[in-house]
Amino acid sequence: QVQVVESGGGLVQPGGSLRLSCAASESISSFTAPAWYRQAPGKQRELVARLASGGITNYVATVKGRFTISRDNAKNTVYLQMNSLKPEDTALYYCQLNRGSLAYWGQGTQVTVSS
């Protein structure tokens, strides 16, 4: 069973930055199209960013220009750099790793943006 662990969340003021990390119990390079999702209270989980093959990135419109997804196979980690954070970015953030038809999820890391 693949274990996925997110970290890096916390409380930050509006306009601040956080970098989320996603580590796995197996080599990150063995997974395709890693993604970050988030779920705010009372809302459905939404796709925030995906790193597709060839280095193509996709972002939900509300985070474009502020968030950046990346992977470092040498460090076995997928990142989500979040800048210019807004209160509406407050949510539980999840990492998704894919292998074939299987998707693996972590438990999430909480991001709270508040003054």
PDB file of N, CA and C in Angstrom:
ATOM      1  N   GLN A   1       0.840  -1.187   0.000  1.00  0.00           N
ATOM      2  CA  GLN A   1       0.000   0.000   0.000  1.00  0.00           C
ATOM      3  C   GLN A   1       0.882   1.248   0.000  1.00  0.00           C
ATOM      4  N   VAL A   2       0.636   2.113  -0.958  1.00  0.00           N
ATOM      5  CA  VAL A   2       1.417   3.347  -1.051  1.00  0.00           C
ATOM      6  C   VAL A   2       0.960   4.316   0.030  1.00  0.00           C
ATOM      7  N   GLN A   3       1.921   4.872   0.730  1.00  0.00           N
ATOM      8  CA  GLN A   3       1.629   5.905   1.732  1.00  0.00           C
ATOM      9  C   GLN A   3       1.989   7.266   1.156  1.00  0.00           C
ATOM     10  N   VAL A   4       1.066   8.200   1.310  1.00  0.00           N
ATOM     11  CA  VAL A   4       1.283   9.564   0.833  1.00  0.00           C
ATOM     12  C   VAL A   4       1.143  10.495   2.029  1.00  0.00           C
ATOM     13  N   VAL A   5       2.094  11.379   2.209  1.00  0.00           N
ATOM     14  CA  VAL A   5       2.081  12.273   3.366  1.00  0.00           C
ATOM     15  C   VAL A   5       2.293  13.707   2.921  1.00  0.00           C
ATOM     16  N   GLU A   6       1.337  14.564   3.266  1.00  0.00           N
ATOM     17  CA  GLU A   6       1.465  15.986   2.983  1.00  0.00           C
ATOM     18  C   GLU A   6       1.966  16.718   4.231  1.00  0.00           C
ATOM     19  N   SER A   7       2.663  17.812   4.011  1.00  0.00           N
ATOM     20  CA  SER A   7       3.131  18.642   5.113  1.00  0.00           C
ATOM     21  C   SER A   7       3.298  20.068   4.621  1.00  0.00           C
ATOM     22  N   GLY A   8       3.514  20.975   5.569  1.00  0.00           N
ATOM     23  CA  GLY A   8       3.787  22.358   5.212  1.00  0.00           C
ATOM     24  C   GLY A   8       2.642  23.326   5.420  1.00  0.00           C
ATOM     25  N   GLY A   9       1.493  22.807   5.802  1.00  0.00           N
ATOM     26  CA  GLY A   9       0.362  23.694   6.044  1.00  0.00           C
ATOM     27  C   GLY A   9       0.550  24.492   7.327  1.00  0.00           C
ATOM     28  N   GLY A  10      -0.384  25.407   7.555  1.00  0.00           N
ATOM     29  CA  GLY A  10      -0.321  26.209   8.768  1.00  0.00           C
ATOM     30  C   GLY A  10      -1.194  27.429   8.671  1.00  0.00           C
ATOM     31  N   LEU A  11      -1.009  28.306   9.625  1.00  0.00           N
ATOM     32  CA  LEU A  11      -1.746  29.573   9.674  1.00  0.00           C
ATOM     33  C   LEU A  11      -0.858  30.673   9.097  1.00  0.00           C
ATOM     34  N   VAL A  12      -1.392  31.412   8.153  1.00  0.00           N
ATOM     35  CA  VAL A  12      -0.626  32.482   7.516  1.00  0.00           C
ATOM     36  C   VAL A  12      -1.539  33.677   7.301  1.00  0.00           C
ATOM     37  N   GLN A  13      -0.964  34.864   7.329  1.00  0.00           N
ATOM     38  CA  GLN A  13      -1.750  36.078   7.096  1.00  0.00           C
ATOM     39  C   GLN A  13      -2.013  36.263   5.607  1.00  0.00           C
ATOM     40  N   PRO A  14      -3.077  36.965   5.268  1.00  0.00           N
ATOM     41  CA  PRO A  14      -3.332  37.262   3.848  1.00  0.00           C
ATOM     42  C   PRO A  14      -2.110  37.925   3.220  1.00  0.00           C
ATOM     43  N   GLY A  15      -1.793  37.492   2.014  1.00  0.00           N
ATOM     44  CA  GLY A  15      -0.622  37.996   1.320  1.00  0.00           C
ATOM     45  C   GLY A  15       0.631  37.177   1.572  1.00  0.00           C
ATOM     46  N   GLY A  16       0.565  36.265   2.515  1.00  0.00           N
ATOM     47  CA  GLY A  16       1.720  35.452   2.848  1.00  0.00           C
ATOM     48  C   GLY A  16       1.907  34.273   1.917  1.00  0.00           C
ATOM     49  N   SER A  17       2.924  33.454   2.233  1.00  0.00           N
ATOM     50  CA  SER A  17       3.273  32.310   1.394  1.00  0.00           C
ATOM     51  C   SER A  17       3.438  31.059   2.241  1.00  0.00           C
ATOM     52  N   LEU A  18       3.192  29.936   1.608  1.00  0.00           N
ATOM     53  CA  LEU A  18       3.464  28.620   2.195  1.00  0.00           C
ATOM     54  C   LEU A  18       3.929  27.705   1.078  1.00  0.00           C
ATOM     55  N   ARG A  19       4.708  26.716   1.439  1.00  0.00           N
ATOM     56  CA  ARG A  19       5.076  25.676   0.479  1.00  0.00           C
ATOM     57  C   ARG A  19       4.658  24.330   1.053  1.00  0.00           C
ATOM     58  N   LEU A  20       3.765  23.682   0.359  1.00  0.00           N
ATOM     59  CA  LEU A  20       3.322  22.353   0.749  1.00  0.00           C
ATOM     60  C   LEU A  20       4.222  21.306   0.105  1.00  0.00           C
ATOM     61  N   SER A  21       4.430  20.220   0.838  1.00  0.00           N
ATOM     62  CA  SER A  21       5.238  19.120   0.332  1.00  0.00           C
ATOM     63  C   SER A  21       4.423  17.826   0.367  1.00  0.00           C
ATOM     64  N   CYS A  22       4.698  16.960  -0.581  1.00  0.00           N
ATOM     65  CA  CYS A  22       4.024  15.664  -0.667  1.00  0.00           C
ATOM     66  C   CYS A  22       5.093  14.600  -0.853  1.00  0.00           C
ATOM     67  N   ALA A  23       5.183  13.691   0.088  1.00  0.00           N
ATOM     68  CA  ALA A  23       6.144  12.602   0.011  1.00  0.00           C
ATOM     69  C   ALA A  23       5.398  11.275  -0.070  1.00  0.00           C
ATOM     70  N   ALA A  24       6.053  10.291  -0.665  1.00  0.00           N
ATOM     71  CA  ALA A  24       5.427   8.980  -0.809  1.00  0.00           C
ATOM     72  C   ALA A  24       6.373   7.885  -0.330  1.00  0.00           C
ATOM     73  N   SER A  25       5.791   6.724  -0.034  1.00  0.00           N
ATOM     74  CA  SER A  25       6.589   5.594   0.436  1.00  0.00           C
ATOM     75  C   SER A  25       7.301   4.893  -0.707  1.00  0.00           C
ATOM     76  N   GLU A  26       6.966   5.269  -1.950  1.00  0.00           N
ATOM     77  CA  GLU A  26       7.652   4.752  -3.124  1.00  0.00           C
ATOM     78  C   GLU A  26       8.170   5.924  -3.934  1.00  0.00           C
ATOM     79  N   SER A  27       9.021   5.635  -4.872  1.00  0.00           N
ATOM     80  CA  SER A  27       9.634   6.694  -5.650  1.00  0.00           C
ATOM     81  C   SER A  27       8.589   7.561  -6.339  1.00  0.00           C
ATOM     82  N   ILE A  28       8.726   8.875  -6.144  1.00  0.00           N
ATOM     83  CA  ILE A  28       7.808   9.824  -6.774  1.00  0.00           C
ATOM     84  C   ILE A  28       7.838   9.684  -8.284  1.00  0.00           C
ATOM     85  N   SER A  29       8.981   9.320  -8.819  1.00  0.00           N
ATOM     86  CA  SER A  29       9.132   9.222 -10.274  1.00  0.00           C
ATOM     87  C   SER A  29       8.281   8.103 -10.873  1.00  0.00           C
ATOM     88  N   SER A  30       7.790   7.209 -10.042  1.00  0.00           N
ATOM     89  CA  SER A  30       6.961   6.101 -10.539  1.00  0.00           C
ATOM     90  C   SER A  30       5.502   6.495 -10.699  1.00  0.00           C
ATOM     91  N   PHE A  31       5.161   7.699 -10.308  1.00  0.00           N
ATOM     92  CA  PHE A  31       3.790   8.182 -10.401  1.00  0.00           C
ATOM     93  C   PHE A  31       3.669   9.214 -11.522  1.00  0.00           C
ATOM     94  N   THR A  32       2.484   9.272 -12.096  1.00  0.00           N
ATOM     95  CA  THR A  32       2.242  10.234 -13.166  1.00  0.00           C
ATOM     96  C   THR A  32       1.264  11.302 -12.702  1.00  0.00           C
ATOM     97  N   ALA A  33       1.359  12.451 -13.364  1.00  0.00           N
ATOM     98  CA  ALA A  33       0.405  13.543 -13.184  1.00  0.00           C
ATOM     99  C   ALA A  33       0.053  13.805 -11.715  1.00  0.00           C
ATOM    100  N   PRO A  34       1.040  14.064 -10.884  1.00  0.00           N
ATOM    101  CA  PRO A  34       0.719  14.404  -9.501  1.00  0.00           C
ATOM    102  C   PRO A  34      -0.137  15.662  -9.449  1.00  0.00           C
ATOM    103  N   ALA A  35      -0.962  15.738  -8.428  1.00  0.00           N
ATOM    104  CA  ALA A  35      -1.887  16.866  -8.336  1.00  0.00           C
ATOM    105  C   ALA A  35      -2.109  17.266  -6.883  1.00  0.00           C
ATOM    106  N   TRP A  36      -2.551  18.482  -6.729  1.00  0.00           N
ATOM    107  CA  TRP A  36      -2.999  18.985  -5.427  1.00  0.00           C
ATOM    108  C   TRP A  36      -4.476  19.332  -5.528  1.00  0.00           C
ATOM    109  N   TYR A  37      -5.220  18.896  -4.545  1.00  0.00           N
ATOM    110  CA  TYR A  37      -6.638  19.222  -4.408  1.00  0.00           C
ATOM    111  C   TYR A  37      -6.827  19.948  -3.075  1.00  0.00           C
ATOM    112  N   ARG A  38      -7.963  20.586  -2.937  1.00  0.00           N
ATOM    113  CA  ARG A  38      -8.302  21.185  -1.642  1.00  0.00           C
ATOM    114  C   ARG A  38      -9.803  21.061  -1.387  1.00  0.00           C
ATOM    115  N   GLN A  39     -10.122  21.074  -0.122  1.00  0.00           N
ATOM    116  CA  GLN A  39     -11.523  21.014   0.270  1.00  0.00           C
ATOM    117  C   GLN A  39     -11.754  21.960   1.432  1.00  0.00           C
ATOM    118  N   ALA A  40     -12.601  22.934   1.197  1.00  0.00           N
ATOM    119  CA  ALA A  40     -12.972  23.882   2.237  1.00  0.00           C
ATOM    120  C   ALA A  40     -14.231  23.366   2.939  1.00  0.00           C
ATOM    121  N   PRO A  41     -14.460  23.797   4.174  1.00  0.00           N
ATOM    122  CA  PRO A  41     -15.647  23.340   4.909  1.00  0.00           C
ATOM    123  C   PRO A  41     -16.932  23.606   4.130  1.00  0.00           C
ATOM    124  N   GLY A  42     -17.758  22.580   3.997  1.00  0.00           N
ATOM    125  CA  GLY A  42     -19.026  22.723   3.313  1.00  0.00           C
ATOM    126  C   GLY A  42     -18.944  22.752   1.807  1.00  0.00           C
ATOM    127  N   LYS A  43     -17.745  22.530   1.270  1.00  0.00           N
ATOM    128  CA  LYS A  43     -17.571  22.568  -0.188  1.00  0.00           C
ATOM    129  C   LYS A  43     -17.004  21.247  -0.685  1.00  0.00           C
ATOM    130  N   GLN A  44     -17.162  21.034  -1.985  1.00  0.00           N
ATOM    131  CA  GLN A  44     -16.611  19.823  -2.590  1.00  0.00           C
ATOM    132  C   GLN A  44     -15.104  19.972  -2.792  1.00  0.00           C
ATOM    133  N   ARG A  45     -14.446  18.826  -2.839  1.00  0.00           N
ATOM    134  CA  ARG A  45     -13.018  18.835  -3.119  1.00  0.00           C
ATOM    135  C   ARG A  45     -12.808  19.321  -4.547  1.00  0.00           C
ATOM    136  N   GLU A  46     -11.840  20.210  -4.725  1.00  0.00           N
ATOM    137  CA  GLU A  46     -11.565  20.729  -6.063  1.00  0.00           C
ATOM    138  C   GLU A  46     -10.094  20.561  -6.415  1.00  0.00           C
ATOM    139  N   LEU A  47      -9.871  20.376  -7.710  1.00  0.00           N
ATOM    140  CA  LEU A  47      -8.516  20.286  -8.224  1.00  0.00           C
ATOM    141  C   LEU A  47      -7.894  21.679  -8.222  1.00  0.00           C
ATOM    142  N   VAL A  48      -6.737  21.805  -7.613  1.00  0.00           N
ATOM    143  CA  VAL A  48      -6.034  23.076  -7.555  1.00  0.00           C
ATOM    144  C   VAL A  48      -4.960  23.154  -8.630  1.00  0.00           C
ATOM    145  N   ALA A  49      -4.163  22.099  -8.736  1.00  0.00           N
ATOM    146  CA  ALA A  49      -3.056  22.115  -9.693  1.00  0.00           C
ATOM    147  C   ALA A  49      -2.677  20.694 -10.053  1.00  0.00           C
ATOM    148  N   ARG A  50      -2.263  20.509 -11.300  1.00  0.00           N
ATOM    149  CA  ARG A  50      -1.795  19.206 -11.758  1.00  0.00           C
ATOM    150  C   ARG A  50      -0.555  19.392 -12.617  1.00  0.00           C
ATOM    151  N   LEU A  51       0.377  18.480 -12.439  1.00  0.00           N
ATOM    152  CA  LEU A  51       1.602  18.483 -13.236  1.00  0.00           C
ATOM    153  C   LEU A  51       1.532  17.302 -14.195  1.00  0.00           C
ATOM    154  N   ALA A  52       1.203  17.592 -15.443  1.00  0.00           N
ATOM    155  CA  ALA A  52       0.999  16.535 -16.426  1.00  0.00           C
ATOM    156  C   ALA A  52       2.329  16.179 -17.095  1.00  0.00           C
ATOM    157  N   SER A  53       2.266  15.203 -17.971  1.00  0.00           N
ATOM    158  CA  SER A  53       3.475  14.760 -18.665  1.00  0.00           C
ATOM    159  C   SER A  53       4.032  15.896 -19.514  1.00  0.00           C
ATOM    160  N   GLY A  54       5.327  15.875 -19.682  1.00  0.00           N
ATOM    161  CA  GLY A  54       5.984  16.918 -20.446  1.00  0.00           C
ATOM    162  C   GLY A  54       6.141  18.210 -19.682  1.00  0.00           C
ATOM    163  N   GLY A  55       5.834  18.175 -18.392  1.00  0.00           N
ATOM    164  CA  GLY A  55       5.985  19.374 -17.579  1.00  0.00           C
ATOM    165  C   GLY A  55       4.846  20.357 -17.703  1.00  0.00           C
ATOM    166  N   ILE A  56       3.771  19.937 -18.356  1.00  0.00           N
ATOM    167  CA  ILE A  56       2.614  20.826 -18.515  1.00  0.00           C
ATOM    168  C   ILE A  56       1.880  20.949 -17.181  1.00  0.00           C
ATOM    169  N   THR A  57       1.582  22.172 -16.813  1.00  0.00           N
ATOM    170  CA  THR A  57       0.880  22.420 -15.562  1.00  0.00           C
ATOM    171  C   THR A  57      -0.518  22.972 -15.832  1.00  0.00           C
ATOM    172  N   ASN A  58      -1.433  22.576 -14.976  1.00  0.00           N
ATOM    173  CA  ASN A  58      -2.798  23.077 -15.057  1.00  0.00           C
ATOM    174  C   ASN A  58      -3.212  23.584 -13.689  1.00  0.00           C
ATOM    175  N   TYR A  59      -3.874  24.732 -13.674  1.00  0.00           N
ATOM    176  CA  TYR A  59      -4.296  25.336 -12.419  1.00  0.00           C
ATOM    177  C   TYR A  59      -5.764  25.749 -12.508  1.00  0.00           C
ATOM    178  N   VAL A  60      -6.428  25.691 -11.372  1.00  0.00           N
ATOM    179  CA  VAL A  60      -7.754  26.262 -11.310  1.00  0.00           C
ATOM    180  C   VAL A  60      -7.602  27.775 -11.442  1.00  0.00           C
ATOM    181  N   ALA A  61      -8.557  28.412 -12.051  1.00  0.00           N
ATOM    182  CA  ALA A  61      -8.435  29.835 -12.383  1.00  0.00           C
ATOM    183  C   ALA A  61      -8.140  30.706 -11.169  1.00  0.00           C
ATOM    184  N   THR A  62      -8.678  30.314 -10.033  1.00  0.00           N
ATOM    185  CA  THR A  62      -8.554  31.157  -8.843  1.00  0.00           C
ATOM    186  C   THR A  62      -7.140  31.202  -8.263  1.00  0.00           C
ATOM    187  N   VAL A  63      -6.267  30.298  -8.707  1.00  0.00           N
ATOM    188  CA  VAL A  63      -4.901  30.297  -8.161  1.00  0.00           C
ATOM    189  C   VAL A  63      -3.848  30.582  -9.212  1.00  0.00           C
ATOM    190  N   LYS A  64      -4.248  30.722 -10.451  1.00  0.00           N
ATOM    191  CA  LYS A  64      -3.273  30.979 -11.520  1.00  0.00           C
ATOM    192  C   LYS A  64      -2.471  32.241 -11.228  1.00  0.00           C
ATOM    193  N   GLY A  65      -1.163  32.123 -11.411  1.00  0.00           N
ATOM    194  CA  GLY A  65      -0.288  33.252 -11.157  1.00  0.00           C
ATOM    195  C   GLY A  65       0.153  33.369  -9.711  1.00  0.00           C
ATOM    196  N   ARG A  66      -0.465  32.571  -8.832  1.00  0.00           N
ATOM    197  CA  ARG A  66      -0.101  32.626  -7.407  1.00  0.00           C
ATOM    198  C   ARG A  66       0.491  31.312  -6.909  1.00  0.00           C
ATOM    199  N   PHE A  67       0.024  30.196  -7.456  1.00  0.00           N
ATOM    200  CA  PHE A  67       0.479  28.862  -7.024  1.00  0.00           C
ATOM    201  C   PHE A  67       1.342  28.230  -8.113  1.00  0.00           C
ATOM    202  N   THR A  68       2.296  27.427  -7.666  1.00  0.00           N
ATOM    203  CA  THR A  68       3.146  26.698  -8.600  1.00  0.00           C
ATOM    204  C   THR A  68       3.344  25.271  -8.113  1.00  0.00           C
ATOM    205  N   ILE A  69       3.022  24.313  -8.978  1.00  0.00           N
ATOM    206  CA  ILE A  69       3.246  22.906  -8.654  1.00  0.00           C
ATOM    207  C   ILE A  69       4.551  22.460  -9.298  1.00  0.00           C
ATOM    208  N   SER A  70       5.303  21.645  -8.571  1.00  0.00           N
ATOM    209  CA  SER A  70       6.561  21.143  -9.108  1.00  0.00           C
ATOM    210  C   SER A  70       6.881  19.804  -8.446  1.00  0.00           C
ATOM    211  N   ARG A  71       7.848  19.097  -9.011  1.00  0.00           N
ATOM    212  CA  ARG A  71       8.290  17.842  -8.414  1.00  0.00           C
ATOM    213  C   ARG A  71       9.805  17.797  -8.425  1.00  0.00           C
ATOM    214  N   ASP A  72      10.358  17.161  -7.422  1.00  0.00           N
ATOM    215  CA  ASP A  72      11.799  16.941  -7.356  1.00  0.00           C
ATOM    216  C   ASP A  72      11.993  15.458  -7.121  1.00  0.00           C
ATOM    217  N   ASN A  73      12.272  14.735  -8.185  1.00  0.00           N
ATOM    218  CA  ASN A  73      12.413  13.287  -8.063  1.00  0.00           C
ATOM    219  C   ASN A  73      13.588  12.914  -7.158  1.00  0.00           C
ATOM    220  N   ALA A  74      14.637  13.724  -7.169  1.00  0.00           N
ATOM    221  CA  ALA A  74      15.800  13.427  -6.331  1.00  0.00           C
ATOM    222  C   ALA A  74      15.441  13.495  -4.847  1.00  0.00           C
ATOM    223  N   LYS A  75      14.519  14.404  -4.508  1.00  0.00           N
ATOM    224  CA  LYS A  75      14.087  14.529  -3.124  1.00  0.00           C
ATOM    225  C   LYS A  75      12.796  13.763  -2.871  1.00  0.00           C
ATOM    226  N   ASN A  76      12.312  13.099  -3.926  1.00  0.00           N
ATOM    227  CA  ASN A  76      11.107  12.270  -3.780  1.00  0.00           C
ATOM    228  C   ASN A  76       9.923  13.069  -3.256  1.00  0.00           C
ATOM    229  N   THR A  77       9.760  14.281  -3.781  1.00  0.00           N
ATOM    230  CA  THR A  77       8.748  15.180  -3.239  1.00  0.00           C
ATOM    231  C   THR A  77       8.047  15.952  -4.354  1.00  0.00           C
ATOM    232  N   VAL A  78       6.753  16.169  -4.159  1.00  0.00           N
ATOM    233  CA  VAL A  78       5.974  17.066  -5.008  1.00  0.00           C
ATOM    234  C   VAL A  78       5.647  18.292  -4.159  1.00  0.00           C
ATOM    235  N   TYR A  79       5.765  19.463  -4.751  1.00  0.00           N
ATOM    236  CA  TYR A  79       5.553  20.703  -4.002  1.00  0.00           C
ATOM    237  C   TYR A  79       4.370  21.494  -4.552  1.00  0.00           C
ATOM    238  N   LEU A  80       3.829  22.320  -3.682  1.00  0.00           N
ATOM    239  CA  LEU A  80       2.884  23.352  -4.114  1.00  0.00           C
ATOM    240  C   LEU A  80       3.320  24.645  -3.426  1.00  0.00           C
ATOM    241  N   GLN A  81       3.919  25.529  -4.216  1.00  0.00           N
ATOM    242  CA  GLN A  81       4.299  26.837  -3.700  1.00  0.00           C
ATOM    243  C   GLN A  81       3.095  27.757  -3.819  1.00  0.00           C
ATOM    244  N   MET A  82       2.704  28.338  -2.704  1.00  0.00           N
ATOM    245  CA  MET A  82       1.516  29.191  -2.677  1.00  0.00           C
ATOM    246  C   MET A  82       1.919  30.593  -2.229  1.00  0.00           C
ATOM    247  N   ASN A  83       1.729  31.557  -3.091  1.00  0.00           N
ATOM    248  CA  ASN A  83       2.052  32.952  -2.785  1.00  0.00           C
ATOM    249  C   ASN A  83       0.787  33.797  -2.806  1.00  0.00           C
ATOM    250  N   SER A  84       0.893  34.974  -2.241  1.00  0.00           N
ATOM    251  CA  SER A  84      -0.233  35.922  -2.219  1.00  0.00           C
ATOM    252  C   SER A  84      -1.512  35.250  -1.737  1.00  0.00           C
ATOM    253  N   LEU A  85      -1.400  34.554  -0.643  1.00  0.00           N
ATOM    254  CA  LEU A  85      -2.534  33.779  -0.147  1.00  0.00           C
ATOM    255  C   LEU A  85      -3.685  34.677   0.272  1.00  0.00           C
ATOM    256  N   LYS A  86      -4.899  34.152   0.047  1.00  0.00           N
ATOM    257  CA  LYS A  86      -6.123  34.864   0.366  1.00  0.00           C
ATOM    258  C   LYS A  86      -6.953  34.036   1.353  1.00  0.00           C
ATOM    259  N   PRO A  87      -7.829  34.679   2.090  1.00  0.00           N
ATOM    260  CA  PRO A  87      -8.682  33.915   3.025  1.00  0.00           C
ATOM    261  C   PRO A  87      -9.456  32.796   2.329  1.00  0.00           C
ATOM    262  N   GLU A  88      -9.824  33.008   1.079  1.00  0.00           N
ATOM    263  CA  GLU A  88     -10.582  31.973   0.363  1.00  0.00           C
ATOM    264  C   GLU A  88      -9.725  30.775  -0.032  1.00  0.00           C
ATOM    265  N   ASP A  89      -8.421  30.841   0.206  1.00  0.00           N
ATOM    266  CA  ASP A  89      -7.554  29.677  -0.010  1.00  0.00           C
ATOM    267  C   ASP A  89      -7.574  28.729   1.187  1.00  0.00           C
ATOM    268  N   THR A  90      -8.229  29.141   2.253  1.00  0.00           N
ATOM    269  CA  THR A  90      -8.311  28.301   3.439  1.00  0.00           C
ATOM    270  C   THR A  90      -9.003  26.991   3.111  1.00  0.00           C
ATOM    271  N   ALA A  91      -8.326  25.888   3.405  1.00  0.00           N
ATOM    272  CA  ALA A  91      -8.870  24.561   3.085  1.00  0.00           C
ATOM    273  C   ALA A  91      -7.907  23.490   3.577  1.00  0.00           C
ATOM    274  N   LEU A  92      -8.377  22.263   3.486  1.00  0.00           N
ATOM    275  CA  LEU A  92      -7.517  21.105   3.697  1.00  0.00           C
ATOM    276  C   LEU A  92      -6.966  20.715   2.332  1.00  0.00           C
ATOM    277  N   TYR A  93      -5.664  20.689   2.217  1.00  0.00           N
ATOM    278  CA  TYR A  93      -5.018  20.434   0.930  1.00  0.00           C
ATOM    279  C   TYR A  93      -4.521  18.988   0.877  1.00  0.00           C
ATOM    280  N   TYR A  94      -4.845  18.337  -0.241  1.00  0.00           N
ATOM    281  CA  TYR A  94      -4.497  16.938  -0.435  1.00  0.00           C
ATOM    282  C   TYR A  94      -3.593  16.767  -1.648  1.00  0.00           C
ATOM    283  N   CYS A  95      -2.686  15.838  -1.533  1.00  0.00           N
ATOM    284  CA  CYS A  95      -1.846  15.444  -2.659  1.00  0.00           C
ATOM    285  C   CYS A  95      -2.416  14.166  -3.272  1.00  0.00           C
ATOM    286  N   GLN A  96      -2.436  14.115  -4.578  1.00  0.00           N
ATOM    287  CA  GLN A  96      -2.880  12.910  -5.291  1.00  0.00           C
ATOM    288  C   GLN A  96      -1.749  12.441  -6.191  1.00  0.00           C
ATOM    289  N   LEU A  97      -1.411  11.168  -6.055  1.00  0.00           N
ATOM    290  CA  LEU A  97      -0.412  10.541  -6.929  1.00  0.00           C
ATOM    291  C   LEU A  97      -1.101   9.431  -7.713  1.00  0.00           C
ATOM    292  N   ASN A  98      -0.744   9.311  -8.978  1.00  0.00           N
ATOM    293  CA  ASN A  98      -1.431   8.373  -9.859  1.00  0.00           C
ATOM    294  C   ASN A  98      -0.483   7.353 -10.452  1.00  0.00           C
ATOM    295  N   ARG A  99      -0.971   6.123 -10.539  1.00  0.00           N
ATOM    296  CA  ARG A  99      -0.217   5.068 -11.206  1.00  0.00           C
ATOM    297  C   ARG A  99      -1.241   4.202 -11.922  1.00  0.00           C
ATOM    298  N   GLY A 100      -1.233   4.302 -13.239  1.00  0.00           N
ATOM    299  CA  GLY A 100      -2.245   3.594 -14.014  1.00  0.00           C
ATOM    300  C   GLY A 100      -3.629   4.127 -13.658  1.00  0.00           C
ATOM    301  N   SER A 101      -4.521   3.215 -13.315  1.00  0.00           N
ATOM    302  CA  SER A 101      -5.884   3.605 -12.972  1.00  0.00           C
ATOM    303  C   SER A 101      -6.063   3.870 -11.482  1.00  0.00           C
ATOM    304  N   LEU A 102      -4.967   3.772 -10.742  1.00  0.00           N
ATOM    305  CA  LEU A 102      -5.049   3.948  -9.293  1.00  0.00           C
ATOM    306  C   LEU A 102      -4.609   5.345  -8.886  1.00  0.00           C
ATOM    307  N   ALA A 103      -5.326   5.903  -7.918  1.00  0.00           N
ATOM    308  CA  ALA A 103      -4.984   7.199  -7.354  1.00  0.00           C
ATOM    309  C   ALA A 103      -4.741   7.034  -5.865  1.00  0.00           C
ATOM    310  N   TYR A 104      -3.678   7.631  -5.399  1.00  0.00           N
ATOM    311  CA  TYR A 104      -3.309   7.531  -3.991  1.00  0.00           C
ATOM    312  C   TYR A 104      -3.401   8.921  -3.357  1.00  0.00           C
ATOM    313  N   TRP A 105      -3.957   8.946  -2.160  1.00  0.00           N
ATOM    314  CA  TRP A 105      -4.189  10.204  -1.460  1.00  0.00           C
ATOM    315  C   TRP A 105      -3.547  10.181  -0.077  1.00  0.00           C
ATOM    316  N   GLY A 106      -3.159  11.376   0.366  1.00  0.00           N
ATOM    317  CA  GLY A 106      -2.714  11.518   1.732  1.00  0.00           C
ATOM    318  C   GLY A 106      -3.861  11.959   2.616  1.00  0.00           C
ATOM    319  N   GLN A 107      -3.540  12.268   3.862  1.00  0.00           N
ATOM    320  CA  GLN A 107      -4.549  12.685   4.835  1.00  0.00           C
ATOM    321  C   GLN A 107      -4.817  14.186   4.769  1.00  0.00           C
ATOM    322  N   GLY A 108      -3.978  14.896   4.063  1.00  0.00           N
ATOM    323  CA  GLY A 108      -4.181  16.330   3.912  1.00  0.00           C
ATOM    324  C   GLY A 108      -3.396  17.157   4.914  1.00  0.00           C
ATOM    325  N   THR A 109      -3.192  18.406   4.550  1.00  0.00           N
ATOM    326  CA  THR A 109      -2.542  19.366   5.436  1.00  0.00           C
ATOM    327  C   THR A 109      -3.381  20.642   5.427  1.00  0.00           C
ATOM    328  N   GLN A 110      -3.645  21.171   6.605  1.00  0.00           N
ATOM    329  CA  GLN A 110      -4.557  22.311   6.736  1.00  0.00           C
ATOM    330  C   GLN A 110      -3.842  23.624   6.445  1.00  0.00           C
ATOM    331  N   VAL A 111      -4.453  24.430   5.606  1.00  0.00           N
ATOM    332  CA  VAL A 111      -3.976  25.781   5.323  1.00  0.00           C
ATOM    333  C   VAL A 111      -5.062  26.751   5.768  1.00  0.00           C
ATOM    334  N   THR A 112      -4.688  27.660   6.630  1.00  0.00           N
ATOM    335  CA  THR A 112      -5.625  28.678   7.111  1.00  0.00           C
ATOM    336  C   THR A 112      -5.031  30.052   6.855  1.00  0.00           C
ATOM    337  N   VAL A 113      -5.768  30.859   6.123  1.00  0.00           N
ATOM    338  CA  VAL A 113      -5.317  32.212   5.797  1.00  0.00           C
ATOM    339  C   VAL A 113      -6.220  33.189   6.532  1.00  0.00           C
ATOM    340  N   SER A 114      -5.642  33.853   7.502  1.00  0.00           N
ATOM    341  CA  SER A 114      -6.444  34.745   8.344  1.00  0.00           C
ATOM    342  C   SER A 114      -5.553  35.762   9.026  1.00  0.00           C
ATOM    343  N   SER A 115      -6.113  36.941   9.251  1.00  0.00           N
ATOM    344  CA  SER A 115      -5.373  37.961   9.989  1.00  0.00           C
ATOM    345  C   SER A 115      -5.729  37.912  11.467  1.00  0.00           C
TER     346      SER A 115
END
